[in-house]
PDB file of all heavy atoms in Angstrom:
ATOM      1  N   THR A   1       4.897   7.751  -7.951  1.00  0.00           N
ATOM      2  CA  THR A   1       4.541   7.765  -6.556  1.00  0.00           C
ATOM      3  C   THR A   1       3.464   6.719  -6.251  1.00  0.00           C
ATOM      4  O   THR A   1       3.522   6.108  -5.313  1.00  0.00           O
ATOM      5  CB  THR A   1       3.917   9.193  -6.301  1.00  0.00           C
ATOM      6  OG1 THR A   1       4.917  10.201  -6.630  1.00  0.00           O
ATOM      7  CG2 THR A   1       3.745   9.388  -4.714  1.00  0.00           C
ATOM      8  N   ILE A   2       2.517   6.556  -7.162  1.00  0.00           N
ATOM      9  CA  ILE A   2       1.535   5.549  -6.967  1.00  0.00           C
ATOM     10  C   ILE A   2       2.125   4.094  -6.956  1.00  0.00           C
ATOM     11  O   ILE A   2       1.743   3.323  -6.157  1.00  0.00           O
ATOM     12  CB  ILE A   2       0.381   5.734  -8.010  1.00  0.00           C
ATOM     13  CG1 ILE A   2      -0.475   6.966  -7.785  1.00  0.00           C
ATOM     14  CG2 ILE A   2      -0.534   4.476  -8.068  1.00  0.00           C
ATOM     15  CD1 ILE A   2      -1.471   7.269  -8.894  1.00  0.00           C
ATOM     16  N   ILE A   3       2.994   3.889  -7.875  1.00  0.00           N
ATOM     17  CA  ILE A   3       3.680   2.612  -7.961  1.00  0.00           C
ATOM     18  C   ILE A   3       4.392   2.339  -6.725  1.00  0.00           C
ATOM     19  O   ILE A   3       4.383   1.239  -6.153  1.00  0.00           O
ATOM     20  CB  ILE A   3       4.533   2.527  -9.255  1.00  0.00           C
ATOM     21  CG1 ILE A   3       3.596   2.615 -10.556  1.00  0.00           C
ATOM     22  CG2 ILE A   3       5.316   1.159  -9.267  1.00  0.00           C
ATOM     23  CD1 ILE A   3       4.381   2.727 -11.864  1.00  0.00           C
ATOM     24  N   ASP A   4       5.133   3.348  -6.313  1.00  0.00           N
ATOM     25  CA  ASP A   4       5.937   3.191  -5.011  1.00  0.00           C
ATOM     26  C   ASP A   4       5.031   2.813  -3.794  1.00  0.00           C
ATOM     27  O   ASP A   4       5.495   2.072  -2.989  1.00  0.00           O
ATOM     28  CB  ASP A   4       6.723   4.470  -4.747  1.00  0.00           C
ATOM     29  CG  ASP A   4       7.944   4.598  -5.614  1.00  0.00           C
ATOM     30  OD1 ASP A   4       8.359   3.562  -6.144  1.00  0.00           O
ATOM     31  OD2 ASP A   4       8.532   5.739  -5.732  1.00  0.00           O
ATOM     32  N   VAL A   5       3.891   3.407  -3.809  1.00  0.00           N
ATOM     33  CA  VAL A   5       2.899   3.157  -2.697  1.00  0.00           C
ATOM     34  C   VAL A   5       2.561   1.671  -2.576  1.00  0.00           C
ATOM     35  O   VAL A   5       2.560   1.019  -1.684  1.00  0.00           O
ATOM     36  CB  VAL A   5       1.734   4.019  -2.727  1.00  0.00           C
ATOM     37  CG1 VAL A   5       0.568   3.458  -1.851  1.00  0.00           C
ATOM     38  CG2 VAL A   5       2.020   5.347  -2.321  1.00  0.00           C
ATOM     39  N   PHE A   6       2.241   1.172  -3.958  1.00  0.00           N
ATOM     40  CA  PHE A   6       1.893  -0.208  -3.975  1.00  0.00           C
ATOM     41  C   PHE A   6       3.090  -1.119  -3.704  1.00  0.00           C
ATOM     42  O   PHE A   6       2.933  -2.103  -2.928  1.00  0.00           O
ATOM     43  CB  PHE A   6       1.392  -0.597  -5.421  1.00  0.00           C
ATOM     44  CG  PHE A   6       0.947  -2.039  -5.588  1.00  0.00           C
ATOM     45  CD1 PHE A   6      -0.425  -2.299  -5.198  1.00  0.00           C
ATOM     46  CD2 PHE A   6       1.765  -2.976  -6.002  1.00  0.00           C
ATOM     47  CE1 PHE A   6      -0.734  -3.672  -5.319  1.00  0.00           C
ATOM     48  CE2 PHE A   6       1.358  -4.312  -6.128  1.00  0.00           C
ATOM     49  CZ  PHE A   6      -0.006  -4.667  -5.815  1.00  0.00           C
ATOM     50  N   LYS A   7       4.285  -0.782  -4.170  1.00  0.00           N
ATOM     51  CA  LYS A   7       5.430  -1.664  -4.042  1.00  0.00           C
ATOM     52  C   LYS A   7       5.897  -1.722  -2.546  1.00  0.00           C
ATOM     53  O   LYS A   7       6.099  -2.757  -1.911  1.00  0.00           O
ATOM     54  CB  LYS A   7       6.519  -1.087  -4.938  1.00  0.00           C
ATOM     55  CG  LYS A   7       7.977  -1.549  -4.579  1.00  0.00           C
ATOM     56  CD  LYS A   7       8.232  -3.018  -4.856  1.00  0.00           C
ATOM     57  CE  LYS A   7       9.689  -3.394  -4.747  1.00  0.00           C
ATOM     58  NZ  LYS A   7      10.378  -3.019  -3.411  1.00  0.00           N
ATOM     59  N   SER A   8       5.981  -0.474  -1.924  1.00  0.00           N
ATOM     60  CA  SER A   8       6.416  -0.441  -0.495  1.00  0.00           C
ATOM     61  C   SER A   8       5.405  -1.117   0.459  1.00  0.00           C
ATOM     62  O   SER A   8       5.766  -1.854   1.367  1.00  0.00           O
ATOM     63  CB  SER A   8       6.624   1.009  -0.082  1.00  0.00           C
ATOM     64  OG  SER A   8       5.481   1.804  -0.190  1.00  0.00           O
ATOM     65  N   GLY A   9       4.055  -0.930   0.114  1.00  0.00           N
ATOM     66  CA  GLY A   9       3.023  -1.561   0.914  1.00  0.00           C
ATOM     67  C   GLY A   9       3.083  -3.041   0.798  1.00  0.00           C
ATOM     68  O   GLY A   9       2.961  -3.805   1.738  1.00  0.00           O
ATOM     69  N   ALA A  10       3.190  -3.523  -0.494  1.00  0.00           N
ATOM     70  CA  ALA A  10       3.405  -4.908  -0.698  1.00  0.00           C
ATOM     71  C   ALA A  10       4.645  -5.547  -0.031  1.00  0.00           C
ATOM     72  O   ALA A  10       4.500  -6.677   0.440  1.00  0.00           O
ATOM     73  CB  ALA A  10       3.507  -5.199  -2.226  1.00  0.00           C
ATOM     74  N   ASP A  11       5.723  -4.861   0.154  1.00  0.00           N
ATOM     75  CA  ASP A  11       6.842  -5.382   0.774  1.00  0.00           C
ATOM     76  C   ASP A  11       6.627  -5.538   2.279  1.00  0.00           C
ATOM     77  O   ASP A  11       7.046  -6.532   2.804  1.00  0.00           O
ATOM     78  CB  ASP A  11       8.034  -4.279   0.705  1.00  0.00           C
ATOM     79  CG  ASP A  11       8.681  -4.308  -0.666  1.00  0.00           C
ATOM     80  OD1 ASP A  11       8.363  -5.227  -1.456  1.00  0.00           O
ATOM     81  OD2 ASP A  11       9.421  -3.326  -1.029  1.00  0.00           O
ATOM     82  N   GLU A  12       5.687  -4.727   2.801  1.00  0.00           N
ATOM     83  CA  GLU A  12       5.308  -4.915   4.256  1.00  0.00           C
ATOM     84  C   GLU A  12       4.663  -6.329   4.476  1.00  0.00           C
ATOM     85  O   GLU A  12       4.884  -6.991   5.425  1.00  0.00           O
ATOM     86  CB  GLU A  12       4.367  -3.794   4.673  1.00  0.00           C
ATOM     87  CG  GLU A  12       5.085  -2.439   4.754  1.00  0.00           C
ATOM     88  CD  GLU A  12       6.084  -2.344   5.852  1.00  0.00           C
ATOM     89  OE1 GLU A  12       5.655  -2.513   7.027  1.00  0.00           O
ATOM     90  OE2 GLU A  12       7.191  -1.943   5.575  1.00  0.00           O
ATOM     91  N   TYR A  13       3.921  -6.551   3.414  1.00  0.00           N
ATOM     92  CA  TYR A  13       3.207  -7.890   3.495  1.00  0.00           C
ATOM     93  C   TYR A  13       4.106  -9.087   3.138  1.00  0.00           C
ATOM     94  O   TYR A  13       4.122 -10.161   3.816  1.00  0.00           O
ATOM     95  CB  TYR A  13       1.951  -7.846   2.481  1.00  0.00           C
ATOM     96  CG  TYR A  13       1.400  -9.283   2.249  1.00  0.00           C
ATOM     97  CD1 TYR A  13       0.911  -9.995   3.288  1.00  0.00           C
ATOM     98  CD2 TYR A  13       1.063  -9.617   0.995  1.00  0.00           C
ATOM     99  CE1 TYR A  13       0.264 -11.265   3.028  1.00  0.00           C
ATOM    100  CE2 TYR A  13       0.302 -10.868   0.713  1.00  0.00           C
ATOM    101  CZ  TYR A  13       0.042 -11.573   1.707  1.00  0.00           C
ATOM    102  OH  TYR A  13      -0.596 -12.794   1.462  1.00  0.00           O
ATOM    103  N   LEU A  14       4.975  -8.908   2.178  1.00  0.00           N
ATOM    104  CA  LEU A  14       5.876  -9.935   1.629  1.00  0.00           C
ATOM    105  C   LEU A  14       6.846 -10.333   2.734  1.00  0.00           C
ATOM    106  O   LEU A  14       7.184 -11.570   2.948  1.00  0.00           O
ATOM    107  CB  LEU A  14       6.599  -9.476   0.528  1.00  0.00           C
ATOM    108  CG  LEU A  14       5.897  -9.304  -0.912  1.00  0.00           C
ATOM    109  CD1 LEU A  14       6.742  -8.738  -1.946  1.00  0.00           C
ATOM    110  CD2 LEU A  14       5.323 -10.602  -1.384  1.00  0.00           C
ATOM    111  N   TYR A  15       7.247  -9.394   3.568  1.00  0.00           N
ATOM    112  CA  TYR A  15       8.229  -9.722   4.578  1.00  0.00           C
ATOM    113  C   TYR A  15       7.628  -9.745   5.968  1.00  0.00           C
ATOM    114  O   TYR A  15       8.267  -9.620   7.026  1.00  0.00           O
ATOM    115  CB  TYR A  15       9.291  -8.606   4.675  1.00  0.00           C
ATOM    116  CG  TYR A  15      10.110  -8.488   3.386  1.00  0.00           C
ATOM    117  CD1 TYR A  15       9.912  -7.482   2.423  1.00  0.00           C
ATOM    118  CD2 TYR A  15      11.023  -9.629   3.048  1.00  0.00           C
ATOM    119  CE1 TYR A  15      10.742  -7.452   1.242  1.00  0.00           C
ATOM    120  CE2 TYR A  15      11.677  -9.602   1.803  1.00  0.00           C
ATOM    121  CZ  TYR A  15      11.499  -8.558   0.972  1.00  0.00           C
ATOM    122  OH  TYR A  15      12.242  -8.561  -0.211  1.00  0.00           O
ATOM    123  N   ASP A  16       6.215 -10.038   5.913  1.00  0.00           N
ATOM    124  CA  ASP A  16       5.519 -10.337   7.250  1.00  0.00           C
ATOM    125  C   ASP A  16       5.641  -9.257   8.253  1.00  0.00           C
ATOM    126  O   ASP A  16       5.466  -9.561   9.492  1.00  0.00           O
ATOM    127  CB  ASP A  16       5.934 -11.669   7.768  1.00  0.00           C
ATOM    128  CG  ASP A  16       5.654 -12.893   6.858  1.00  0.00           C
ATOM    129  OD1 ASP A  16       4.623 -12.814   6.199  1.00  0.00           O
ATOM    130  OD2 ASP A  16       6.576 -13.761   6.615  1.00  0.00           O
ATOM    131  N   LYS A  17       5.657  -8.025   7.840  1.00  0.00           N
ATOM    132  CA  LYS A  17       5.626  -6.868   8.781  1.00  0.00           C
ATOM    133  C   LYS A  17       4.207  -6.420   9.054  1.00  0.00           C
ATOM    134  O   LYS A  17       3.976  -5.811  10.100  1.00  0.00           O
ATOM    135  CB  LYS A  17       6.467  -5.708   8.245  1.00  0.00           C
ATOM    136  CG  LYS A  17       7.950  -6.146   8.207  1.00  0.00           C
ATOM    137  CD  LYS A  17       8.754  -4.847   7.680  1.00  0.00           C
ATOM    138  CE  LYS A  17      10.253  -5.141   7.661  1.00  0.00           C
ATOM    139  NZ  LYS A  17      11.016  -3.978   7.180  1.00  0.00           N
ATOM    140  N   GLN A  18       3.286  -6.763   8.170  1.00  0.00           N
ATOM    141  CA  GLN A  18       1.943  -6.311   8.364  1.00  0.00           C
ATOM    142  C   GLN A  18       1.140  -7.468   7.710  1.00  0.00           C
ATOM    143  O   GLN A  18       1.537  -8.176   6.750  1.00  0.00           O
ATOM    144  CB  GLN A  18       1.614  -5.049   7.576  1.00  0.00           C
ATOM    145  CG  GLN A  18       1.786  -3.784   8.367  1.00  0.00           C
ATOM    146  CD  GLN A  18       1.177  -2.600   7.685  1.00  0.00           C
ATOM    147  OE1 GLN A  18       1.334  -2.406   6.599  1.00  0.00           O
ATOM    148  NE2 GLN A  18       0.559  -1.840   8.596  1.00  0.00           N
ATOM    149  N   SER A  19      -0.177  -7.598   8.096  1.00  0.00           N
ATOM    150  CA  SER A  19      -1.084  -8.505   7.498  1.00  0.00           C
ATOM    151  C   SER A  19      -1.541  -8.106   6.025  1.00  0.00           C
ATOM    152  O   SER A  19      -1.360  -6.830   5.710  1.00  0.00           O
ATOM    153  CB  SER A  19      -2.272  -8.690   8.320  1.00  0.00           C
ATOM    154  OG  SER A  19      -3.046  -7.511   8.328  1.00  0.00           O
ATOM    155  N   ALA A  20      -1.992  -8.943   5.288  1.00  0.00           N
ATOM    156  CA  ALA A  20      -2.397  -8.587   3.886  1.00  0.00           C
ATOM    157  C   ALA A  20      -3.517  -7.599   3.938  1.00  0.00           C
ATOM    158  O   ALA A  20      -3.627  -6.604   3.188  1.00  0.00           O
ATOM    159  CB  ALA A  20      -2.884  -9.848   3.152  1.00  0.00           C
ATOM    160  N   GLY A  21      -4.423  -7.708   4.978  1.00  0.00           N
ATOM    161  CA  GLY A  21      -5.552  -6.826   5.030  1.00  0.00           C
ATOM    162  C   GLY A  21      -5.214  -5.467   5.512  1.00  0.00           C
ATOM    163  O   GLY A  21      -5.633  -4.425   4.961  1.00  0.00           O
ATOM    164  N   ASP A  22      -4.253  -5.318   6.451  1.00  0.00           N
ATOM    165  CA  ASP A  22      -3.750  -4.009   6.881  1.00  0.00           C
ATOM    166  C   ASP A  22      -3.029  -3.360   5.799  1.00  0.00           C
ATOM    167  O   ASP A  22      -3.136  -2.008   5.454  1.00  0.00           O
ATOM    168  CB  ASP A  22      -2.910  -4.206   8.126  1.00  0.00           C
ATOM    169  CG  ASP A  22      -3.670  -4.481   9.276  1.00  0.00           C
ATOM    170  OD1 ASP A  22      -4.833  -4.376   9.355  1.00  0.00           O
ATOM    171  OD2 ASP A  22      -2.891  -5.010  10.294  1.00  0.00           O
ATOM    172  N   CYS A  23      -2.191  -4.102   5.053  1.00  0.00           N
ATOM    173  CA  CYS A  23      -1.487  -3.464   3.838  1.00  0.00           C
ATOM    174  C   CYS A  23      -2.419  -3.020   2.781  1.00  0.00           C
ATOM    175  O   CYS A  23      -2.262  -1.941   2.308  1.00  0.00           O
ATOM    176  CB  CYS A  23      -0.495  -4.490   3.291  1.00  0.00           C
ATOM    177  SG  CYS A  23       0.971  -4.800   4.238  1.00  0.00           S
ATOM    178  N   ALA A  24      -3.433  -3.801   2.467  1.00  0.00           N
ATOM    179  CA  ALA A  24      -4.379  -3.443   1.478  1.00  0.00           C
ATOM    180  C   ALA A  24      -5.126  -2.179   1.816  1.00  0.00           C
ATOM    181  O   ALA A  24      -5.419  -1.250   1.044  1.00  0.00           O
ATOM    182  CB  ALA A  24      -5.433  -4.627   1.260  1.00  0.00           C
ATOM    183  N   LYS A  25      -5.454  -1.980   3.118  1.00  0.00           N
ATOM    184  CA  LYS A  25      -6.241  -0.874   3.543  1.00  0.00           C
ATOM    185  C   LYS A  25      -5.322   0.362   3.399  1.00  0.00           C
ATOM    186  O   LYS A  25      -5.729   1.404   3.002  1.00  0.00           O
ATOM    187  CB  LYS A  25      -6.605  -1.013   5.057  1.00  0.00           C
ATOM    188  CG  LYS A  25      -7.419   0.111   5.590  1.00  0.00           C
ATOM    189  CD  LYS A  25      -7.827  -0.180   7.010  1.00  0.00           C
ATOM    190  CE  LYS A  25      -8.581   1.001   7.624  1.00  0.00           C
ATOM    191  NZ  LYS A  25      -9.123   0.694   9.043  1.00  0.00           N
ATOM    192  N   SER A  26      -3.993   0.272   3.816  1.00  0.00           N
ATOM    193  CA  SER A  26      -3.082   1.370   3.693  1.00  0.00           C
ATOM    194  C   SER A  26      -2.797   1.722   2.406  1.00  0.00           C
ATOM    195  O   SER A  26      -2.877   2.901   1.960  1.00  0.00           O
ATOM    196  CB  SER A  26      -1.747   1.004   4.463  1.00  0.00           C
ATOM    197  OG  SER A  26      -0.871   2.039   4.350  1.00  0.00           O
ATOM    198  N   ILE A  27      -2.542   0.730   1.382  1.00  0.00           N
ATOM    199  CA  ILE A  27      -2.332   1.032   0.032  1.00  0.00           C
ATOM    200  C   ILE A  27      -3.454   1.701  -0.531  1.00  0.00           C
ATOM    201  O   ILE A  27      -3.346   2.644  -1.319  1.00  0.00           O
ATOM    202  CB  ILE A  27      -1.891  -0.282  -0.700  1.00  0.00           C
ATOM    203  CG1 ILE A  27      -0.534  -0.789  -0.186  1.00  0.00           C
ATOM    204  CG2 ILE A  27      -1.893  -0.055  -2.157  1.00  0.00           C
ATOM    205  CD1 ILE A  27      -0.259  -2.173  -0.747  1.00  0.00           C
ATOM    206  N   TYR A  28      -4.621   1.149  -0.374  1.00  0.00           N
ATOM    207  CA  TYR A  28      -5.846   1.683  -1.061  1.00  0.00           C
ATOM    208  C   TYR A  28      -6.067   3.243  -0.637  1.00  0.00           C
ATOM    209  O   TYR A  28      -6.301   4.051  -1.506  1.00  0.00           O
ATOM    210  CB  TYR A  28      -7.087   0.873  -0.582  1.00  0.00           C
ATOM    211  CG  TYR A  28      -8.384   1.492  -1.013  1.00  0.00           C
ATOM    212  CD1 TYR A  28      -8.764   1.341  -2.311  1.00  0.00           C
ATOM    213  CD2 TYR A  28      -9.209   2.142  -0.090  1.00  0.00           C
ATOM    214  CE1 TYR A  28      -9.934   2.016  -2.789  1.00  0.00           C
ATOM    215  CE2 TYR A  28     -10.489   2.737  -0.489  1.00  0.00           C
ATOM    216  CZ  TYR A  28     -10.837   2.601  -1.770  1.00  0.00           C
ATOM    217  OH  TYR A  28     -11.968   3.231  -2.267  1.00  0.00           O
ATOM    218  N   GLY A  29      -5.939   3.503   0.643  1.00  0.00           N
ATOM    219  CA  GLY A  29      -6.167   4.863   1.112  1.00  0.00           C
ATOM    220  C   GLY A  29      -5.145   5.837   0.387  1.00  0.00           C
ATOM    221  O   GLY A  29      -5.541   6.906  -0.058  1.00  0.00           O
ATOM    222  N   GLU A  30      -3.897   5.450   0.381  1.00  0.00           N
ATOM    223  CA  GLU A  30      -2.892   6.330  -0.184  1.00  0.00           C
ATOM    224  C   GLU A  30      -3.066   6.487  -1.722  1.00  0.00           C
ATOM    225  O   GLU A  30      -2.857   7.613  -2.274  1.00  0.00           O
ATOM    226  CB  GLU A  30      -1.552   5.821   0.156  1.00  0.00           C
ATOM    227  CG  GLU A  30      -1.066   5.960   1.625  1.00  0.00           C
ATOM    228  CD  GLU A  30       0.348   5.670   1.814  1.00  0.00           C
ATOM    229  OE1 GLU A  30       1.199   6.312   1.245  1.00  0.00           O
ATOM    230  OE2 GLU A  30       0.666   4.680   2.594  1.00  0.00           O
ATOM    231  N   MET A  31      -3.262   5.385  -2.423  1.00  0.00           N
ATOM    232  CA  MET A  31      -3.431   5.343  -3.837  1.00  0.00           C
ATOM    233  C   MET A  31      -4.652   6.133  -4.276  1.00  0.00           C
ATOM    234  O   MET A  31      -4.637   6.807  -5.316  1.00  0.00           O
ATOM    235  CB  MET A  31      -3.557   3.920  -4.392  1.00  0.00           C
ATOM    236  CG  MET A  31      -2.243   3.150  -4.464  1.00  0.00           C
ATOM    237  SD  MET A  31      -2.347   1.470  -5.094  1.00  0.00           S
ATOM    238  CE  MET A  31      -3.154   1.711  -6.665  1.00  0.00           C
ATOM    239  N   LYS A  32      -5.712   6.038  -3.474  1.00  0.00           N
ATOM    240  CA  LYS A  32      -6.974   6.811  -3.740  1.00  0.00           C
ATOM    241  C   LYS A  32      -6.712   8.354  -3.798  1.00  0.00           C
ATOM    242  O   LYS A  32      -7.151   9.118  -4.685  1.00  0.00           O
ATOM    243  CB  LYS A  32      -8.035   6.393  -2.875  1.00  0.00           C
ATOM    244  CG  LYS A  32      -9.434   7.022  -3.281  1.00  0.00           C
ATOM    245  CD  LYS A  32     -10.565   6.489  -2.435  1.00  0.00           C
ATOM    246  CE  LYS A  32     -11.922   7.138  -2.818  1.00  0.00           C
ATOM    247  NZ  LYS A  32     -13.007   6.530  -1.930  1.00  0.00           N
ATOM    248  N   LYS A  33      -5.980   8.722  -2.782  1.00  0.00           N
ATOM    249  CA  LYS A  33      -5.715  10.171  -2.678  1.00  0.00           C
ATOM    250  C   LYS A  33      -4.725  10.592  -3.717  1.00  0.00           C
ATOM    251  O   LYS A  33      -4.981  11.700  -4.407  1.00  0.00           O
ATOM    252  CB  LYS A  33      -5.069  10.413  -1.327  1.00  0.00           C
ATOM    253  CG  LYS A  33      -5.931  10.284  -0.131  1.00  0.00           C
ATOM    254  CD  LYS A  33      -5.204  10.507   1.237  1.00  0.00           C
ATOM    255  CE  LYS A  33      -6.092  10.275   2.445  1.00  0.00           C
ATOM    256  NZ  LYS A  33      -5.371  10.404   3.724  1.00  0.00           N
ATOM    257  N   LEU A  34      -3.760   9.828  -4.085  1.00  0.00           N
ATOM    258  CA  LEU A  34      -2.786  10.319  -5.111  1.00  0.00           C
ATOM    259  C   LEU A  34      -3.419  10.261  -6.479  1.00  0.00           C
ATOM    260  O   LEU A  34      -3.207  11.216  -7.248  1.00  0.00           O
ATOM    261  CB  LEU A  34      -1.613   9.303  -5.024  1.00  0.00           C
ATOM    262  CG  LEU A  34      -0.640   9.401  -3.869  1.00  0.00           C
ATOM    263  CD1 LEU A  34       0.285   8.229  -3.857  1.00  0.00           C
ATOM    264  CD2 LEU A  34       0.226  10.728  -4.067  1.00  0.00           C
ATOM    265  N   ALA A  35      -4.270   9.323  -6.725  1.00  0.00           N
ATOM    266  CA  ALA A  35      -4.897   9.311  -8.080  1.00  0.00           C
ATOM    267  C   ALA A  35      -5.852  10.355  -8.202  1.00  0.00           C
ATOM    268  O   ALA A  35      -5.951  11.009  -9.320  1.00  0.00           O
ATOM    269  CB  ALA A  35      -5.678   7.848  -8.256  1.00  0.00           C
ATOM    270  N   ALA A  36      -6.597  10.785  -7.177  1.00  0.00           N
ATOM    271  CA  ALA A  36      -7.553  11.921  -7.357  1.00  0.00           C
ATOM    272  C   ALA A  36      -6.778  13.223  -7.379  1.00  0.00           C
ATOM    273  O   ALA A  36      -7.174  14.075  -8.101  1.00  0.00           O
ATOM    274  CB  ALA A  36      -8.393  11.869  -5.963  1.00  0.00           C
ATOM    275  N   GLY A  37      -5.629  13.347  -6.678  1.00  0.00           N
ATOM    276  CA  GLY A  37      -4.742  14.421  -6.583  1.00  0.00           C
ATOM    277  C   GLY A  37      -4.251  14.802  -8.010  1.00  0.00           C
ATOM    278  O   GLY A  37      -3.912  15.974  -8.428  1.00  0.00           O
TER     279      GLY A  37
END
């Protein structure tokens, strides 16, 4: 699940659907919750 969050978020950046900064923010928030969970 954590890997999927990074991969799907990175795809948003790779295909120019989101900026690197927005993707990083989204990925960080989700990964932090999942890792703590």
